[in-house]
Amino acid sequence: MKLRLVAISSLMGAMSLISGCDSPRTAPRGADNLELHTGRLRQTNPLEVAVLPVQSTTAKDNVPVDLLRQAFHKGLVRQRYTPLALAYVDSKIVEANYTPGEANENAVLQIFISRWDDARWKSSAELKIEGEIYLLDVAHPDPSKALWGGKVSRTVSMLARRQVIATDGELLAEAAQTFADDVLASLPSRNPEQVP
């Protein structure tokens, strides 16, 4: 009888360990970017990326397009891409005459912001941002043939960070970086071992 009780208690202990492994896990960052899709990115494997100026179609003049552009530039580095210096890209781009590839880039990142809702920024440090993001092959710079991208809709909450960030400008820059990092979390990292 004692042997059977020991076996049952051992079995119960093992089952509690197994059920502990079934505890809920958080989804990987970027898993909720459901409309961002990967196209021929793996085959193309671009290295140098020109981050074009962010375009706002919101009819608002307070969209921090420069902060967003800088944030996506930094975020590409984390994903093992080599974004060209923004000043260098700007020197090569004359919007009416620009042809992708003129700055010797392999791909371009285009960012369109269609909604910038900052109604809760002062009270709750919250932004609602919608737009479209595309990583385009310079040989086929059509968004319908994007290497990666699509529509994005995110709410960025910085309320917890407001207590430790000195200025509203710094908080806004961090919010822009959070948005960019959350979006780029869906961008597969570049494979440095594969030739572009």
Protein backbone atom coordinates (compact mmCIF):
# COMPACT_ATOMS: atom_id res chain seq x y z
CA MET A 1 0.00 0.00 0.00
CA LYS A 2 2.85 2.42 0.82
CA LEU A 3 4.43 1.78 -2.59
CA ARG A 4 1.21 2.67 -4.37
CA LEU A 5 0.84 5.94 -2.35
CA VAL A 6 4.43 6.98 -3.18
CA ALA A 7 3.82 6.28 -6.86
CA ILE A 8 0.59 8.30 -6.85
CA SER A 9 2.19 11.26 -5.05
CA SER A 10 5.15 11.17 -7.47
CA LEU A 11 2.74 11.14 -10.40
CA MET A 12 0.80 14.08 -8.92
CA GLY A 13 4.05 16.04 -8.45
CA ALA A 14 5.10 15.39 -12.05
CA MET A 15 1.68 16.49 -13.31
CA SER A 16 1.87 19.75 -11.36
CA LEU A 17 5.29 20.45 -12.89
CA ILE A 18 3.94 19.78 -16.38
CA SER A 19 0.88 21.98 -15.82
CA GLY A 20 3.19 24.73 -14.58
CA CYS A 21 4.89 24.65 -17.98
CA ASP A 22 1.52 25.33 -19.58
CA SER A 23 1.31 28.76 -17.97
CA PRO A 24 0.28 31.50 -20.41
CA ARG A 25 3.16 32.96 -22.39
CA THR A 26 3.24 36.38 -23.92
CA ALA A 27 3.24 36.50 -27.71
CA PRO A 28 6.50 37.61 -29.31
CA ARG A 29 6.77 41.32 -29.99
CA GLY A 30 5.25 42.18 -33.36
CA ALA A 31 2.96 39.14 -33.49
CA ASP A 32 -0.03 41.48 -33.37
CA ASN A 33 0.97 43.27 -36.60
CA LEU A 34 -1.42 41.08 -38.56
CA GLU A 35 -1.44 43.11 -41.76
CA LEU A 36 2.34 43.27 -42.20
CA HIS A 37 3.39 40.63 -44.68
CA THR A 38 6.71 39.36 -45.97
CA GLY A 39 7.19 39.05 -49.72
CA ARG A 40 10.49 38.22 -51.48
CA LEU A 41 12.58 39.51 -48.59
CA ARG A 42 14.49 36.25 -48.01
CA GLN A 43 15.49 35.94 -51.67
CA THR A 44 16.52 39.59 -52.00
CA ASN A 45 18.17 39.98 -48.55
CA PRO A 46 18.85 43.73 -48.92
CA LEU A 47 21.67 45.27 -46.92
CA GLU A 48 21.65 49.02 -47.46
CA VAL A 49 18.28 50.70 -46.97
CA ALA A 50 17.30 54.29 -47.70
CA VAL A 51 14.72 55.49 -45.19
CA LEU A 52 12.70 58.03 -47.15
CA PRO A 53 11.07 61.04 -45.47
CA VAL A 54 7.88 60.08 -43.63
CA GLN A 55 4.74 61.24 -45.41
CA SER A 56 1.75 62.34 -43.36
CA THR A 57 -1.70 62.27 -44.94
CA THR A 58 -3.43 63.23 -41.69
CA ALA A 59 -3.98 66.94 -42.43
CA LYS A 60 -2.37 67.62 -39.04
CA ASP A 61 0.76 69.71 -38.73
CA ASN A 62 1.96 68.21 -35.42
CA VAL A 63 2.88 64.72 -36.68
CA PRO A 64 6.57 64.34 -35.70
CA VAL A 65 7.67 62.99 -39.09
CA ASP A 66 11.37 63.58 -38.39
CA LEU A 67 11.23 61.72 -35.05
CA LEU A 68 9.42 58.81 -36.71
CA ARG A 69 11.96 58.65 -39.52
CA GLN A 70 14.86 58.62 -37.04
CA ALA A 71 13.11 55.92 -35.00
CA PHE A 72 12.67 53.63 -38.00
CA HIS A 73 16.29 54.29 -39.01
CA LYS A 74 17.48 53.10 -35.56
CA GLY A 75 15.08 50.17 -35.61
CA LEU A 76 16.49 48.85 -38.90
CA VAL A 77 19.93 48.61 -37.29
CA ARG A 78 18.46 46.33 -34.60
CA GLN A 79 17.13 44.07 -37.37
CA ARG A 80 20.66 43.82 -38.88
CA TYR A 81 20.04 46.10 -41.85
CA THR A 82 22.33 48.99 -42.75
CA PRO A 83 20.27 52.15 -43.20
CA LEU A 84 22.06 54.89 -45.10
CA ALA A 85 22.68 58.14 -43.22
CA LEU A 86 19.56 60.30 -43.39
CA ALA A 87 21.54 63.39 -44.47
CA TYR A 88 23.10 61.38 -47.31
CA VAL A 89 19.68 60.13 -48.45
CA ASP A 90 18.32 63.68 -48.30
CA SER A 91 21.21 64.95 -50.42
CA LYS A 92 20.39 62.36 -53.11
CA ILE A 93 16.63 62.81 -53.08
CA VAL A 94 15.01 65.53 -55.08
CA GLU A 95 11.47 64.23 -54.80
CA ALA A 96 10.41 64.88 -58.38
CA ASN A 97 13.54 63.32 -59.84
CA TYR A 98 14.34 60.55 -57.35
CA THR A 99 14.66 57.03 -58.70
CA PRO A 100 15.09 54.21 -56.17
CA GLY A 101 18.69 52.99 -56.24
CA GLU A 102 20.25 56.41 -56.92
CA ALA A 103 21.87 56.44 -53.48
CA ASN A 104 23.29 52.92 -54.12
CA GLU A 105 20.72 51.42 -51.74
CA ASN A 106 19.32 47.90 -52.16
CA ALA A 107 15.92 48.80 -50.73
CA VAL A 108 13.86 51.78 -49.61
CA LEU A 109 11.67 52.08 -46.54
CA GLN A 110 8.55 54.16 -47.13
CA ILE A 111 6.39 55.25 -44.22
CA PHE A 112 2.94 56.80 -44.62
CA ILE A 113 1.07 58.04 -41.53
CA SER A 114 -2.69 58.24 -42.13
CA ARG A 115 -3.88 58.73 -38.53
CA TRP A 116 -2.21 60.52 -35.65
CA ASP A 117 -4.60 60.66 -32.70
CA ASP A 118 -3.00 62.50 -29.80
CA ALA A 119 -6.25 63.47 -28.02
CA ARG A 120 -5.18 61.44 -24.94
CA TRP A 121 -1.50 62.45 -25.02
CA LYS A 122 -1.70 65.19 -22.37
CA SER A 123 -3.96 63.23 -20.02
CA SER A 124 -2.75 59.64 -20.48
CA ALA A 125 0.39 59.84 -22.65
CA GLU A 126 -1.33 57.71 -25.28
CA LEU A 127 -1.12 57.89 -29.07
CA LYS A 128 -3.11 56.04 -31.71
CA ILE A 129 -1.17 55.73 -34.94
CA GLU A 130 -2.19 54.21 -38.25
CA GLY A 131 -0.36 54.05 -41.52
CA GLU A 132 1.36 51.94 -44.12
CA ILE A 133 4.98 50.83 -44.04
CA TYR A 134 6.78 49.26 -47.01
CA LEU A 135 10.27 47.89 -47.56
CA LEU A 136 10.69 48.01 -51.33
CA ASP A 137 13.22 46.43 -53.66
CA VAL A 138 14.83 49.19 -55.74
CA ALA A 139 14.37 47.04 -58.85
CA HIS A 140 10.58 46.76 -58.20
CA PRO A 141 9.54 49.74 -56.02
CA ASP A 142 5.83 49.00 -56.24
CA PRO A 143 4.11 48.63 -52.81
CA SER A 144 2.01 45.78 -54.24
CA LYS A 145 5.32 43.90 -54.71
CA ALA A 146 6.86 44.96 -51.41
CA LEU A 147 9.59 42.85 -49.81
CA TRP A 148 7.77 43.46 -46.54
CA GLY A 149 5.04 45.74 -45.26
CA GLY A 150 1.39 46.66 -45.22
CA LYS A 151 -1.04 48.50 -42.98
CA VAL A 152 -0.31 49.09 -39.34
CA SER A 153 -2.50 50.29 -36.48
CA ARG A 154 -1.05 50.65 -32.99
CA THR A 155 -1.78 52.33 -29.68
CA VAL A 156 1.34 53.51 -27.88
CA SER A 157 0.99 54.13 -24.15
CA MET A 158 3.79 56.01 -22.38
CA LEU A 159 2.01 56.70 -19.08
CA ALA A 160 4.45 54.64 -16.99
CA ARG A 161 7.43 56.32 -18.66
CA ARG A 162 6.05 59.83 -18.09
CA GLN A 163 7.14 59.61 -14.44
CA VAL A 164 10.82 59.21 -15.37
CA ILE A 165 11.18 61.19 -18.62
CA ALA A 166 12.19 64.81 -18.09
CA THR A 167 10.47 66.57 -20.99
CA ASP A 168 7.49 66.06 -23.25
CA GLY A 169 9.80 66.17 -26.28
CA GLU A 170 11.88 63.28 -24.93
CA LEU A 171 8.71 61.32 -24.12
CA LEU A 172 7.42 61.87 -27.66
CA ALA A 173 10.76 60.69 -29.11
CA GLU A 174 10.55 57.54 -26.98
CA ALA A 175 6.94 57.00 -28.10
CA ALA A 176 8.06 57.26 -31.73
CA GLN A 177 10.82 54.71 -31.07
CA THR A 178 8.37 52.36 -29.34
CA PHE A 179 6.03 52.58 -32.33
CA ALA A 180 8.87 51.92 -34.79
CA ASP A 181 10.25 49.01 -32.75
CA ASP A 182 6.82 47.41 -32.39
CA VAL A 183 6.24 47.67 -36.15
CA LEU A 184 9.73 46.49 -37.13
CA ALA A 185 9.43 43.52 -34.77
CA SER A 186 7.48 41.92 -37.63
CA LEU A 187 10.32 42.53 -40.10
CA PRO A 188 12.47 39.40 -40.34
CA SER A 189 16.05 40.11 -39.34
CA ARG A 190 18.54 40.25 -42.18
CA ASN A 191 20.63 37.13 -42.70
CA PRO A 192 24.22 38.44 -42.69
CA GLU A 193 25.54 35.13 -44.07
CA GLN A 194 23.46 35.33 -47.25
CA VAL A 195 24.83 37.35 -50.14
CA PRO A 196 22.43 40.15 -51.16
